Amino acid sequence: MQHHEPHHRLRGRSPLKRRMPTENLRAARNGFTLVELMIVVLLLSILATVSLISTDSSGSLALDATARMLAADLQLARNHAIKFNTEYTVDFDLNAQTYEILHTGAGDLPVPKNNLAGTGVDADRYLKQIQVDSLNLPGQAVLRQIKLKTSTAAVSDLAFGPLGGTGPARNEDTVLMLTTQKNGNTFYILITVSWVTGQAWVDEIQTL
């Protein structure tokens, strides 16, 4: 025989059952609001960090881009020397912040073509202005010095021979230094050119 509880007891429990979902919903709402707040704070923190990195890295971007542009042009002069079995020289002017690829060997041979040069530029010369041709990036880089690695003697050019290297006339590596200023600090990057092979490599950015 089944035992049935009185109807008034069942009716007495029903308000508790109706309140439980309401309390759970209120707790869920409170938890969701806290999660939202944490997400907003996290997003703001990420945006602030990205903005700070973007501001601080503008000088580094210019320094690295200019160094790689210059290293590519050194490689271009070297390739021409090997291709035409003669000598090509990269001549630098630190005061004007320019450099030019010249054919300095025997005979009448062409210089590389600067396909990025604008109108009004002599097509028969490969002349570049360092800051202009590095896309006018913020915190522009400056070619500060060119020295021999061992003797530290200052030089103003790099001559690549038919084998690609700078020897035997120059039997030590050549080091070029590019610098930029940022927030009162001086950052620099070195380009080293092997006298044996003529290959150029770009080092990491450092602080003076």
N, C-alpha and C. Protein backbone atom coordinates (compact mmCIF):
# COMPACT_ATOMS: atom_id res chain seq x y z
N MET A 1 0.84 -1.19 0.00
CA MET A 1 0.00 0.00 0.00
C MET A 1 0.88 1.25 0.00
N GLN A 2 0.68 2.09 -0.99
CA GLN A 2 1.51 3.27 -1.13
C GLN A 2 1.10 4.33 -0.14
N HIS A 3 2.16 5.01 0.34
CA HIS A 3 1.92 6.08 1.30
C HIS A 3 1.98 7.41 0.58
N HIS A 4 0.99 8.19 0.67
CA HIS A 4 0.91 9.49 0.02
C HIS A 4 1.05 10.57 1.07
N GLU A 5 1.96 11.51 0.76
CA GLU A 5 2.10 12.63 1.68
C GLU A 5 0.95 13.58 1.49
N PRO A 6 0.63 14.25 2.52
CA PRO A 6 -0.46 15.23 2.41
C PRO A 6 -0.12 16.31 1.40
N HIS A 7 -1.17 16.82 0.78
CA HIS A 7 -0.98 17.84 -0.25
C HIS A 7 -0.37 19.10 0.31
N HIS A 8 -0.63 19.43 1.58
CA HIS A 8 -0.10 20.68 2.10
C HIS A 8 1.42 20.59 2.27
N ARG A 9 1.98 19.39 2.48
CA ARG A 9 3.42 19.24 2.56
C ARG A 9 4.07 19.43 1.18
N LEU A 10 3.44 18.88 0.19
CA LEU A 10 3.97 19.05 -1.17
C LEU A 10 3.93 20.51 -1.57
N ARG A 11 2.83 21.13 -1.21
CA ARG A 11 2.72 22.55 -1.55
C ARG A 11 3.73 23.36 -0.75
N GLY A 12 4.08 22.90 0.45
CA GLY A 12 5.05 23.64 1.26
C GLY A 12 6.46 23.58 0.70
N ARG A 13 6.79 22.52 -0.07
CA ARG A 13 8.13 22.37 -0.62
C ARG A 13 8.30 23.11 -1.94
N SER A 14 7.24 23.37 -2.61
CA SER A 14 7.33 23.94 -3.96
C SER A 14 8.00 25.30 -3.99
N PRO A 15 7.78 26.19 -3.00
CA PRO A 15 8.50 27.47 -3.07
C PRO A 15 10.00 27.30 -3.02
N LEU A 16 10.54 26.32 -2.26
CA LEU A 16 11.98 26.09 -2.22
C LEU A 16 12.49 25.68 -3.59
N LYS A 17 11.76 24.83 -4.29
CA LYS A 17 12.17 24.38 -5.62
C LYS A 17 12.16 25.54 -6.60
N ARG A 18 11.24 26.48 -6.43
CA ARG A 18 11.21 27.61 -7.36
C ARG A 18 12.33 28.60 -7.05
N ARG A 19 12.77 28.67 -5.77
CA ARG A 19 13.82 29.63 -5.43
C ARG A 19 15.21 29.15 -5.84
N MET A 20 15.46 27.86 -5.89
CA MET A 20 16.79 27.35 -6.19
C MET A 20 17.29 27.81 -7.56
N PRO A 21 16.51 27.68 -8.62
CA PRO A 21 17.00 28.16 -9.92
C PRO A 21 17.30 29.65 -9.89
N THR A 22 16.51 30.44 -9.16
CA THR A 22 16.74 31.88 -9.09
C THR A 22 18.06 32.19 -8.43
N GLU A 23 18.40 31.50 -7.34
CA GLU A 23 19.66 31.73 -6.65
C GLU A 23 20.84 31.30 -7.53
N ASN A 24 20.67 30.15 -8.21
CA ASN A 24 21.74 29.70 -9.11
C ASN A 24 21.96 30.69 -10.25
N LEU A 25 20.86 31.23 -10.79
CA LEU A 25 20.96 32.18 -11.89
C LEU A 25 21.66 33.45 -11.43
N ARG A 26 21.34 33.91 -10.19
CA ARG A 26 21.98 35.11 -9.66
C ARG A 26 23.48 34.87 -9.49
N ALA A 27 23.86 33.69 -9.00
CA ALA A 27 25.28 33.37 -8.83
C ALA A 27 25.99 33.29 -10.18
N ALA A 28 25.28 32.71 -11.16
CA ALA A 28 25.87 32.61 -12.50
C ALA A 28 26.09 33.98 -13.10
N ARG A 29 25.08 34.87 -12.86
CA ARG A 29 25.22 36.23 -13.39
C ARG A 29 26.39 36.94 -12.74
N ASN A 30 26.56 36.78 -11.45
CA ASN A 30 27.68 37.40 -10.75
C ASN A 30 29.00 36.87 -11.27
N GLY A 31 29.11 35.57 -11.49
CA GLY A 31 30.32 34.97 -12.01
C GLY A 31 30.63 35.44 -13.41
N PHE A 32 29.66 35.56 -14.24
CA PHE A 32 29.84 36.00 -15.63
C PHE A 32 30.33 37.44 -15.67
N THR A 33 29.80 38.27 -14.79
CA THR A 33 30.23 39.66 -14.72
C THR A 33 31.70 39.75 -14.32
N LEU A 34 32.13 38.91 -13.40
CA LEU A 34 33.52 38.90 -12.98
C LEU A 34 34.44 38.45 -14.11
N VAL A 35 34.02 37.46 -14.84
CA VAL A 35 34.80 36.98 -15.99
C VAL A 35 34.92 38.08 -17.04
N GLU A 36 33.79 38.76 -17.29
CA GLU A 36 33.83 39.86 -18.25
C GLU A 36 34.83 40.92 -17.82
N LEU A 37 34.82 41.24 -16.55
CA LEU A 37 35.74 42.26 -16.04
C LEU A 37 37.18 41.83 -16.22
N MET A 38 37.45 40.58 -15.94
CA MET A 38 38.81 40.08 -16.10
C MET A 38 39.24 40.11 -17.56
N ILE A 39 38.34 39.78 -18.47
CA ILE A 39 38.65 39.81 -19.89
C ILE A 39 38.96 41.22 -20.35
N VAL A 40 38.15 42.18 -19.90
CA VAL A 40 38.36 43.59 -20.27
C VAL A 40 39.72 44.07 -19.77
N VAL A 41 40.04 43.74 -18.52
CA VAL A 41 41.33 44.15 -17.95
C VAL A 41 42.48 43.52 -18.73
N LEU A 42 42.32 42.25 -19.10
CA LEU A 42 43.35 41.55 -19.86
C LEU A 42 43.55 42.19 -21.23
N LEU A 43 42.44 42.50 -21.91
CA LEU A 43 42.52 43.13 -23.23
C LEU A 43 43.19 44.49 -23.16
N LEU A 44 42.84 45.27 -22.15
CA LEU A 44 43.46 46.58 -21.98
C LEU A 44 44.96 46.46 -21.73
N SER A 45 45.33 45.45 -20.95
CA SER A 45 46.74 45.23 -20.67
C SER A 45 47.50 44.85 -21.93
N ILE A 46 46.89 43.99 -22.76
CA ILE A 46 47.52 43.57 -24.02
C ILE A 46 47.68 44.76 -24.95
N LEU A 47 46.63 45.57 -25.07
CA LEU A 47 46.69 46.74 -25.95
C LEU A 47 47.76 47.72 -25.50
N ALA A 48 47.88 47.92 -24.20
CA ALA A 48 48.90 48.83 -23.67
C ALA A 48 50.29 48.30 -23.96
N THR A 49 50.46 46.99 -23.82
CA THR A 49 51.77 46.38 -24.07
C THR A 49 52.15 46.48 -25.54
N VAL A 50 51.18 46.20 -26.43
CA VAL A 50 51.43 46.29 -27.87
C VAL A 50 51.80 47.71 -28.26
N SER A 51 51.08 48.67 -27.69
CA SER A 51 51.36 50.08 -27.99
C SER A 51 52.76 50.46 -27.54
N LEU A 52 53.15 49.99 -26.35
CA LEU A 52 54.48 50.30 -25.83
C LEU A 52 55.57 49.67 -26.68
N ILE A 53 55.37 48.43 -27.07
CA ILE A 53 56.35 47.74 -27.92
C ILE A 53 56.47 48.43 -29.26
N SER A 54 55.33 48.83 -29.83
CA SER A 54 55.34 49.51 -31.12
C SER A 54 56.11 50.81 -31.05
N THR A 55 55.94 51.55 -29.95
CA THR A 55 56.63 52.83 -29.80
C THR A 55 58.13 52.62 -29.63
N ASP A 56 58.51 51.67 -28.78
CA ASP A 56 59.91 51.46 -28.48
C ASP A 56 60.66 50.79 -29.62
N SER A 57 59.97 50.06 -30.48
CA SER A 57 60.64 49.29 -31.53
C SER A 57 60.77 50.05 -32.84
N SER A 58 60.23 51.27 -32.93
CA SER A 58 60.31 52.01 -34.19
C SER A 58 61.75 52.27 -34.58
N GLY A 59 62.59 52.65 -33.59
CA GLY A 59 64.00 52.88 -33.88
C GLY A 59 64.70 51.60 -34.28
N SER A 60 64.39 50.49 -33.61
CA SER A 60 64.99 49.21 -33.94
C SER A 60 64.60 48.77 -35.34
N LEU A 61 63.36 49.04 -35.72
CA LEU A 61 62.88 48.70 -37.06
C LEU A 61 63.69 49.43 -38.12
N ALA A 62 63.91 50.72 -37.93
CA ALA A 62 64.68 51.51 -38.89
C ALA A 62 66.12 51.02 -38.97
N LEU A 63 66.69 50.71 -37.82
CA LEU A 63 68.08 50.27 -37.77
C LEU A 63 68.26 48.94 -38.49
N ASP A 64 67.39 48.00 -38.20
CA ASP A 64 67.49 46.68 -38.82
C ASP A 64 67.22 46.74 -40.32
N ALA A 65 66.20 47.49 -40.72
CA ALA A 65 65.85 47.60 -42.14
C ALA A 65 66.97 48.26 -42.94
N THR A 66 67.56 49.32 -42.39
CA THR A 66 68.64 50.01 -43.10
C THR A 66 69.87 49.12 -43.21
N ALA A 67 70.19 48.40 -42.15
CA ALA A 67 71.35 47.50 -42.18
C ALA A 67 71.18 46.42 -43.23
N ARG A 68 69.99 45.88 -43.33
CA ARG A 68 69.75 44.80 -44.30
C ARG A 68 69.74 45.35 -45.73
N MET A 69 69.25 46.56 -45.91
CA MET A 69 69.31 47.19 -47.23
C MET A 69 70.76 47.39 -47.66
N LEU A 70 71.57 47.89 -46.74
CA LEU A 70 72.98 48.13 -47.04
C LEU A 70 73.72 46.83 -47.31
N ALA A 71 73.47 45.80 -46.51
CA ALA A 71 74.11 44.50 -46.71
C ALA A 71 73.73 43.91 -48.07
N ALA A 72 72.49 44.11 -48.48
CA ALA A 72 72.04 43.61 -49.79
C ALA A 72 72.77 44.32 -50.93
N ASP A 73 73.03 45.61 -50.78
CA ASP A 73 73.74 46.34 -51.81
C ASP A 73 75.22 45.95 -51.86
N LEU A 74 75.80 45.65 -50.71
CA LEU A 74 77.16 45.13 -50.69
C LEU A 74 77.24 43.80 -51.43
N GLN A 75 76.24 42.98 -51.22
CA GLN A 75 76.17 41.70 -51.91
C GLN A 75 75.98 41.91 -53.42
N LEU A 76 75.24 42.93 -53.78
CA LEU A 76 75.01 43.24 -55.19
C LEU A 76 76.33 43.61 -55.87
N ALA A 77 77.12 44.46 -55.23
CA ALA A 77 78.42 44.85 -55.78
C ALA A 77 79.33 43.63 -55.90
N ARG A 78 79.34 42.78 -54.90
CA ARG A 78 80.15 41.56 -54.93
C ARG A 78 79.74 40.66 -56.08
N ASN A 79 78.45 40.49 -56.27
CA ASN A 79 77.96 39.63 -57.35
C ASN A 79 78.38 40.15 -58.72
N HIS A 80 78.37 41.47 -58.89
CA HIS A 80 78.79 42.05 -60.17
C HIS A 80 80.29 41.82 -60.40
N ALA A 81 81.07 41.91 -59.33
CA ALA A 81 82.51 41.67 -59.46
C ALA A 81 82.79 40.24 -59.92
N ILE A 82 82.06 39.29 -59.35
CA ILE A 82 82.23 37.89 -59.74
C ILE A 82 81.70 37.65 -61.15
N LYS A 83 80.55 38.20 -61.45
CA LYS A 83 79.91 37.99 -62.75
C LYS A 83 80.77 38.50 -63.90
N PHE A 84 81.34 39.71 -63.76
CA PHE A 84 82.10 40.32 -64.85
C PHE A 84 83.61 40.13 -64.68
N ASN A 85 84.02 39.36 -63.65
CA ASN A 85 85.43 39.05 -63.44
C ASN A 85 86.29 40.31 -63.36
N THR A 86 85.85 41.25 -62.55
CA THR A 86 86.53 42.54 -62.43
C THR A 86 86.32 43.09 -61.02
N GLU A 87 86.55 44.36 -60.84
CA GLU A 87 86.42 44.96 -59.51
C GLU A 87 85.28 45.98 -59.47
N TYR A 88 84.45 45.85 -58.44
CA TYR A 88 83.40 46.82 -58.17
C TYR A 88 83.59 47.34 -56.74
N THR A 89 83.42 48.65 -56.57
CA THR A 89 83.66 49.29 -55.29
C THR A 89 82.41 49.99 -54.79
N VAL A 90 82.15 49.85 -53.49
CA VAL A 90 81.09 50.62 -52.85
C VAL A 90 81.77 51.77 -52.13
N ASP A 91 81.50 52.99 -52.58
CA ASP A 91 82.13 54.19 -52.05
C ASP A 91 81.15 54.91 -51.13
N PHE A 92 81.58 55.22 -49.90
CA PHE A 92 80.71 55.82 -48.90
C PHE A 92 81.07 57.28 -48.64
N ASP A 93 80.05 58.08 -48.38
CA ASP A 93 80.23 59.47 -47.94
C ASP A 93 79.46 59.62 -46.62
N LEU A 94 80.19 59.58 -45.52
CA LEU A 94 79.52 59.64 -44.21
C LEU A 94 78.88 60.99 -43.95
N ASN A 95 79.46 62.05 -44.48
CA ASN A 95 78.89 63.39 -44.28
C ASN A 95 77.54 63.53 -44.98
N ALA A 96 77.48 63.07 -46.22
CA ALA A 96 76.24 63.16 -46.99
C ALA A 96 75.30 62.00 -46.72
N GLN A 97 75.81 60.96 -46.00
CA GLN A 97 75.03 59.75 -45.72
C GLN A 97 74.54 59.11 -47.02
N THR A 98 75.49 58.91 -47.94
CA THR A 98 75.20 58.27 -49.21
C THR A 98 76.26 57.20 -49.49
N TYR A 99 75.95 56.32 -50.44
CA TYR A 99 76.95 55.39 -50.94
C TYR A 99 76.63 55.09 -52.41
N GLU A 100 77.69 54.72 -53.15
CA GLU A 100 77.53 54.49 -54.58
C GLU A 100 78.33 53.26 -54.99
N ILE A 101 77.72 52.45 -55.85
CA ILE A 101 78.42 51.29 -56.41
C ILE A 101 79.08 51.73 -57.71
N LEU A 102 80.39 51.54 -57.80
CA LEU A 102 81.17 51.98 -58.97
C LEU A 102 81.90 50.78 -59.57
N HIS A 103 82.06 50.83 -60.89
CA HIS A 103 82.93 49.85 -61.53
C HIS A 103 84.34 50.44 -61.54
N THR A 104 85.26 49.83 -60.82
CA THR A 104 86.62 50.36 -60.69
C THR A 104 87.66 49.44 -61.32
N GLY A 105 87.21 48.45 -62.06
CA GLY A 105 88.13 47.55 -62.75
C GLY A 105 88.41 48.04 -64.16
N ALA A 106 89.09 47.21 -64.91
CA ALA A 106 89.45 47.55 -66.29
C ALA A 106 88.23 47.43 -67.20
N GLY A 107 88.25 48.24 -68.27
CA GLY A 107 87.18 48.16 -69.26
C GLY A 107 85.98 49.01 -68.90
N ASP A 108 85.00 48.95 -69.76
CA ASP A 108 83.78 49.76 -69.59
C ASP A 108 82.61 48.81 -69.34
N LEU A 109 82.27 48.66 -68.08
CA LEU A 109 81.20 47.74 -67.70
C LEU A 109 80.12 48.50 -66.93
N PRO A 110 78.90 48.00 -66.98
CA PRO A 110 77.78 48.73 -66.36
C PRO A 110 77.78 48.58 -64.84
N VAL A 111 77.15 49.53 -64.19
CA VAL A 111 76.89 49.41 -62.75
C VAL A 111 75.49 48.84 -62.59
N PRO A 112 75.16 48.32 -61.42
CA PRO A 112 73.80 47.78 -61.21
C PRO A 112 72.74 48.86 -61.42
N LYS A 113 71.55 48.44 -61.76
CA LYS A 113 70.42 49.35 -61.92
C LYS A 113 69.63 49.42 -60.62
N ASN A 114 69.33 50.63 -60.21
CA ASN A 114 68.51 50.83 -59.03
C ASN A 114 67.05 50.96 -59.48
N ASN A 115 66.33 49.87 -59.44
CA ASN A 115 64.95 49.86 -59.93
C ASN A 115 64.00 50.63 -59.03
N LEU A 116 64.43 50.93 -57.81
CA LEU A 116 63.57 51.68 -56.88
C LEU A 116 63.83 53.18 -56.93
N ALA A 117 64.79 53.59 -57.76
CA ALA A 117 65.11 55.02 -57.85
C ALA A 117 63.96 55.77 -58.51
N GLY A 118 63.67 56.94 -58.00
CA GLY A 118 62.58 57.74 -58.55
C GLY A 118 63.02 58.52 -59.78
N THR A 119 62.14 59.39 -60.23
CA THR A 119 62.44 60.22 -61.39
C THR A 119 63.49 61.27 -61.02
N GLY A 120 64.24 61.71 -62.01
CA GLY A 120 65.26 62.71 -61.77
C GLY A 120 66.58 62.14 -61.28
N VAL A 121 66.67 60.80 -61.18
CA VAL A 121 67.90 60.15 -60.73
C VAL A 121 68.67 59.65 -61.94
N ASP A 122 69.98 59.84 -61.93
CA ASP A 122 70.83 59.40 -63.02
C ASP A 122 70.78 57.88 -63.14
N ALA A 123 70.28 57.40 -64.26
CA ALA A 123 70.11 55.96 -64.44
C ALA A 123 71.44 55.24 -64.59
N ASP A 124 72.49 55.97 -64.91
CA ASP A 124 73.82 55.36 -65.09
C ASP A 124 74.61 55.26 -63.79
N ARG A 125 74.01 55.68 -62.67
CA ARG A 125 74.68 55.60 -61.38
C ARG A 125 73.83 54.80 -60.39
N TYR A 126 74.52 54.09 -59.52
CA TYR A 126 73.82 53.40 -58.43
C TYR A 126 74.15 54.14 -57.15
N LEU A 127 73.43 55.22 -56.91
CA LEU A 127 73.67 56.10 -55.77
C LEU A 127 72.47 56.05 -54.84
N LYS A 128 72.74 55.84 -53.56
CA LYS A 128 71.66 55.77 -52.58
C LYS A 128 71.91 56.71 -51.41
N GLN A 129 70.83 57.35 -50.98
CA GLN A 129 70.85 58.13 -49.75
C GLN A 129 70.29 57.24 -48.65
N ILE A 130 71.06 57.04 -47.62
CA ILE A 130 70.72 56.02 -46.62
C ILE A 130 69.36 56.24 -45.99
N GLN A 131 69.05 57.43 -45.55
CA GLN A 131 67.80 57.66 -44.84
C GLN A 131 66.61 57.69 -45.79
N VAL A 132 66.78 58.23 -46.98
CA VAL A 132 65.67 58.29 -47.93
C VAL A 132 65.35 56.91 -48.47
N ASP A 133 66.38 56.16 -48.85
CA ASP A 133 66.15 54.85 -49.45
C ASP A 133 65.78 53.78 -48.45
N SER A 134 65.86 54.08 -47.15
CA SER A 134 65.39 53.12 -46.14
C SER A 134 63.94 53.41 -45.77
N LEU A 135 63.21 54.04 -46.69
CA LEU A 135 61.76 54.26 -46.60
C LEU A 135 61.36 55.28 -45.54
N ASN A 136 62.31 56.14 -45.14
CA ASN A 136 62.00 57.20 -44.17
C ASN A 136 61.32 56.66 -42.92
N LEU A 137 61.81 55.56 -42.41
CA LEU A 137 61.23 54.98 -41.21
C LEU A 137 61.49 55.88 -40.00
N PRO A 138 60.62 55.81 -38.99
CA PRO A 138 60.85 56.63 -37.80
C PRO A 138 62.13 56.23 -37.08
N GLY A 139 62.78 57.19 -36.43
CA GLY A 139 64.03 56.90 -35.75
C GLY A 139 65.11 56.50 -36.72
N GLN A 140 65.31 57.32 -37.76
CA GLN A 140 66.18 56.96 -38.86
C GLN A 140 67.59 56.58 -38.41
N ALA A 141 68.17 55.62 -39.14
CA ALA A 141 69.51 55.14 -38.84
C ALA A 141 70.55 55.99 -39.55
N VAL A 142 71.73 56.05 -38.96
CA VAL A 142 72.85 56.81 -39.50
C VAL A 142 74.05 55.90 -39.63
N LEU A 143 74.73 55.95 -40.79
CA LEU A 143 75.97 55.21 -40.95
C LEU A 143 77.07 55.99 -40.22
N ARG A 144 77.48 55.47 -39.08
CA ARG A 144 78.36 56.22 -38.18
C ARG A 144 79.84 56.07 -38.50
N GLN A 145 80.24 54.83 -38.82
CA GLN A 145 81.66 54.62 -39.10
C GLN A 145 81.88 53.35 -39.90
N ILE A 146 83.06 53.30 -40.57
CA ILE A 146 83.48 52.12 -41.32
C ILE A 146 84.94 51.90 -40.95
N LYS A 147 85.22 50.74 -40.35
CA LYS A 147 86.57 50.47 -39.87
C LYS A 147 86.99 49.04 -40.22
N LEU A 148 88.30 48.86 -40.27
CA LEU A 148 88.85 47.52 -40.41
C LEU A 148 88.79 46.83 -39.05
N LYS A 149 88.46 45.57 -39.06
CA LYS A 149 88.17 44.87 -37.81
C LYS A 149 89.39 44.71 -36.90
N THR A 150 90.54 44.40 -37.45
CA THR A 150 91.72 44.13 -36.63
C THR A 150 92.49 45.40 -36.30
N SER A 151 92.82 46.18 -37.30
CA SER A 151 93.61 47.39 -37.08
C SER A 151 92.77 48.58 -36.64
N THR A 152 91.46 48.48 -36.80
CA THR A 152 90.48 49.54 -36.48
C THR A 152 90.73 50.83 -37.28
N ALA A 153 91.45 50.72 -38.38
CA ALA A 153 91.68 51.89 -39.23
C ALA A 153 90.39 52.27 -39.94
N ALA A 154 90.13 53.56 -40.03
CA ALA A 154 88.93 54.04 -40.70
C ALA A 154 89.11 53.96 -42.22
N VAL A 155 88.06 53.50 -42.91
CA VAL A 155 88.07 53.42 -44.37
C VAL A 155 86.78 54.02 -44.90
N SER A 156 86.75 54.27 -46.19
CA SER A 156 85.56 54.90 -46.78
C SER A 156 85.01 54.13 -47.97
N ASP A 157 85.53 52.93 -48.21
CA ASP A 157 85.02 52.16 -49.34
C ASP A 157 85.24 50.67 -49.12
N LEU A 158 84.63 49.89 -50.00
CA LEU A 158 84.80 48.44 -50.03
C LEU A 158 84.94 48.02 -51.48
N ALA A 159 86.09 47.43 -51.83
CA ALA A 159 86.34 47.01 -53.21
C ALA A 159 86.29 45.48 -53.29
N PHE A 160 85.39 44.97 -54.12
CA PHE A 160 85.23 43.53 -54.29
C PHE A 160 85.92 43.10 -55.58
N GLY A 161 86.75 42.05 -55.46
CA GLY A 161 87.47 41.55 -56.62
C GLY A 161 86.75 40.43 -57.34
N PRO A 162 87.36 39.89 -58.41
CA PRO A 162 86.73 38.84 -59.22
C PRO A 162 86.34 37.59 -58.44
N LEU A 163 87.04 37.32 -57.33
CA LEU A 163 86.72 36.15 -56.52
C LEU A 163 85.69 36.46 -55.43
N GLY A 164 85.27 37.71 -55.35
CA GLY A 164 84.24 38.09 -54.39
C GLY A 164 84.74 38.75 -53.13
N GLY A 165 85.98 38.50 -52.76
CA GLY A 165 86.52 39.06 -51.53
C GLY A 165 87.13 40.44 -51.74
N THR A 166 87.62 41.02 -50.63
CA THR A 166 88.25 42.34 -50.70
C THR A 166 89.78 42.23 -50.73
N GLY A 167 90.31 41.03 -50.61
CA GLY A 167 91.76 40.82 -50.67
C GLY A 167 92.24 40.69 -52.10
N PRO A 168 93.56 40.74 -52.29
CA PRO A 168 94.61 40.86 -51.27
C PRO A 168 94.86 42.29 -50.79
N ALA A 169 94.28 43.28 -51.48
CA ALA A 169 94.52 44.67 -51.08
C ALA A 169 94.09 44.92 -49.64
N ARG A 170 92.97 44.32 -49.24
CA ARG A 170 92.48 44.47 -47.87
C ARG A 170 92.35 43.08 -47.27
N ASN A 171 93.30 42.73 -46.41
CA ASN A 171 93.34 41.37 -45.88
C ASN A 171 92.82 41.27 -44.45
N GLU A 172 91.80 42.05 -44.13
CA GLU A 172 91.08 41.93 -42.87
C GLU A 172 89.63 42.35 -43.08
N ASP A 173 88.76 41.84 -42.23
CA ASP A 173 87.33 42.13 -42.38
C ASP A 173 87.06 43.62 -42.19
N THR A 174 85.97 44.07 -42.83
CA THR A 174 85.53 45.45 -42.70
C THR A 174 84.23 45.47 -41.90
N VAL A 175 84.12 46.42 -40.97
CA VAL A 175 82.94 46.51 -40.10
C VAL A 175 82.30 47.87 -40.27
N LEU A 176 81.01 47.88 -40.59
CA LEU A 176 80.23 49.11 -40.72
C LEU A 176 79.29 49.21 -39.52
N MET A 177 79.19 50.40 -38.96
CA MET A 177 78.31 50.62 -37.81
C MET A 177 77.20 51.60 -38.15
N LEU A 178 75.97 51.16 -37.92
CA LEU A 178 74.79 52.02 -38.06
C LEU A 178 74.24 52.30 -36.67
N THR A 179 73.82 53.53 -36.42
CA THR A 179 73.28 53.88 -35.11
C THR A 179 71.95 54.61 -35.25
N THR A 180 71.19 54.64 -34.14
CA THR A 180 69.97 55.42 -34.07
C THR A 180 69.75 55.83 -32.62
N GLN A 181 69.01 56.91 -32.42
CA GLN A 181 68.72 57.42 -31.09
C GLN A 181 67.27 57.11 -30.73
N LYS A 182 67.05 56.69 -29.46
CA LYS A 182 65.69 56.41 -28.99
C LYS A 182 65.61 56.63 -27.49
N ASN A 183 64.76 57.57 -27.09
CA ASN A 183 64.54 57.85 -25.66
C ASN A 183 65.84 58.13 -24.92
N GLY A 184 66.74 58.87 -25.57
CA GLY A 184 68.01 59.23 -24.94
C GLY A 184 69.07 58.16 -24.99
N ASN A 185 68.76 57.01 -25.60
CA ASN A 185 69.73 55.91 -25.72
C ASN A 185 70.20 55.79 -27.16
N THR A 186 71.44 55.31 -27.32
CA THR A 186 71.99 55.08 -28.65
C THR A 186 72.06 53.58 -28.91
N PHE A 187 71.41 53.15 -29.97
CA PHE A 187 71.42 51.75 -30.38
C PHE A 187 72.26 51.62 -31.65
N TYR A 188 72.94 50.49 -31.78
CA TYR A 188 73.76 50.30 -32.98
C TYR A 188 73.66 48.87 -33.49
N ILE A 189 74.01 48.73 -34.75
CA ILE A 189 74.04 47.42 -35.38
C ILE A 189 75.26 47.38 -36.29
N LEU A 190 75.94 46.24 -36.31
CA LEU A 190 77.16 46.09 -37.09
C LEU A 190 76.94 45.21 -38.31
N ILE A 191 77.58 45.61 -39.41
CA ILE A 191 77.61 44.79 -40.62
C ILE A 191 79.07 44.42 -40.85
N THR A 192 79.36 43.14 -40.84
CA THR A 192 80.73 42.67 -41.03
C THR A 192 80.87 42.05 -42.42
N VAL A 193 81.93 42.45 -43.12
CA VAL A 193 82.20 41.95 -44.47
C VAL A 193 83.50 41.15 -44.44
N SER A 194 83.42 39.90 -44.81
CA SER A 194 84.59 39.02 -44.82
C SER A 194 85.54 39.42 -45.95
N TRP A 195 86.82 39.58 -45.62
CA TRP A 195 87.78 39.94 -46.67
C TRP A 195 88.08 38.76 -47.58
N VAL A 196 87.83 37.53 -47.10
CA VAL A 196 88.12 36.34 -47.90
C VAL A 196 87.03 36.08 -48.93
N THR A 197 85.78 36.08 -48.48
CA THR A 197 84.67 35.73 -49.37
C THR A 197 83.87 36.93 -49.84
N GLY A 198 83.94 38.04 -49.10
CA GLY A 198 83.13 39.22 -49.45
C GLY A 198 81.71 39.14 -48.92
N GLN A 199 81.37 38.04 -48.26
CA GLN A 199 80.03 37.90 -47.71
C GLN A 199 79.82 38.89 -46.56
N ALA A 200 78.62 39.44 -46.47
CA ALA A 200 78.28 40.40 -45.41
C ALA A 200 77.19 39.81 -44.53
N TRP A 201 77.33 40.00 -43.22
CA TRP A 201 76.29 39.54 -42.31
C TRP A 201 75.98 40.63 -41.29
N VAL A 202 74.71 40.65 -40.89
CA VAL A 202 74.20 41.67 -39.98
C VAL A 202 74.10 41.09 -38.57
N ASP A 203 74.69 41.79 -37.59
CA ASP A 203 74.66 41.33 -36.20
C ASP A 203 73.36 41.78 -35.52
N GLU A 204 73.24 41.44 -34.24
CA GLU A 204 72.08 41.84 -33.45
C GLU A 204 72.21 43.31 -33.01
N ILE A 205 71.07 43.93 -32.77
CA ILE A 205 71.06 45.32 -32.29
C ILE A 205 71.56 45.36 -30.83
N GLN A 206 72.44 46.32 -30.56
CA GLN A 206 73.01 46.46 -29.22
C GLN A 206 72.92 47.92 -28.78
N THR A 207 73.23 48.16 -27.51
CA THR A 207 73.17 49.51 -26.94
C THR A 207 74.57 50.00 -26.61
N LEU A 208 74.86 51.23 -26.98
CA LEU A 208 76.16 51.82 -26.65
C LEU A 208 76.23 52.16 -25.16
